[in-house]
Amino acid sequence: MFEVNQLAVGGFDQNFSYVVHDTESGECLVIDPCGDTEMIRAALEKYPDRVPKYILLTHGHNDHVSGLKQVRGFFPAPTVCHPTCRIASDLALEHGTKLPFGKSYIEALFTPGHAVSSICWLLGNRSAVFTGDTLFIGCCGYCDPEVMFRTMRDILFPLPDEAVVYSGHDYGEVPADTLGHQKQVNPYLRIDGLAEFKKAVRDL
């Protein structure tokens, strides 16, 4: 079973970092280490059985990686991102790569649009997807509209409705939501035409 800790670490603009713990193996991973890294440390210390597994990046923008050096100091795990990411990493993964995590895995979904290097991370039981600045609650990230439209329609929309969306910033009415509900209320997921999508993202 996976436990997700959503951490309102502040940072550049209401950033979230995440600590995910596999209750059976004790393995832990950190997603987007930034902002108040002592909050990340405290979340990890809740698990005396913790086994550092990965530090996962959704993309290389500074507000999402500002705490990477500090977190690596107390959480010695390989840093993982997309090959196009500007951050020095230990592993660079392409779309669909599955990293072992506990008795399951976490899957890299290449989701360009906000950044060339954007990855969303999908838990193996498909209970949660960590979307960085690709998909927010009620919105999406500033983007290349043509690329983001394909990402929304081809990669994110087909994911299961029950998956919980955990984004990179606290911009929504709620901090997290099911993808199924977002498909109903998030206009950037509902739009099915590129011209309309381009018009909508002008307001981002």
Foldseek 3Di string as FASTA:
>chain_A
DKDKDWDQQPFPARWTKIWIADVPQQEIEIEQQAHNCVSVVVVNVVRPNHDQEEYEYQAADCSRCVCVVVCCVVRVYWYEWAPVGPDDTPYHDDAFDWDDDPPFTKGWHLQAWLHNGGTWIATRVRQEIEGEQQDDQQEHHQGDLVSSLCSLPPPPLPRDQNYKYQYTHCPDPDRIDGNVVCCVRRVCNVDDDSVVSVVVSVVD
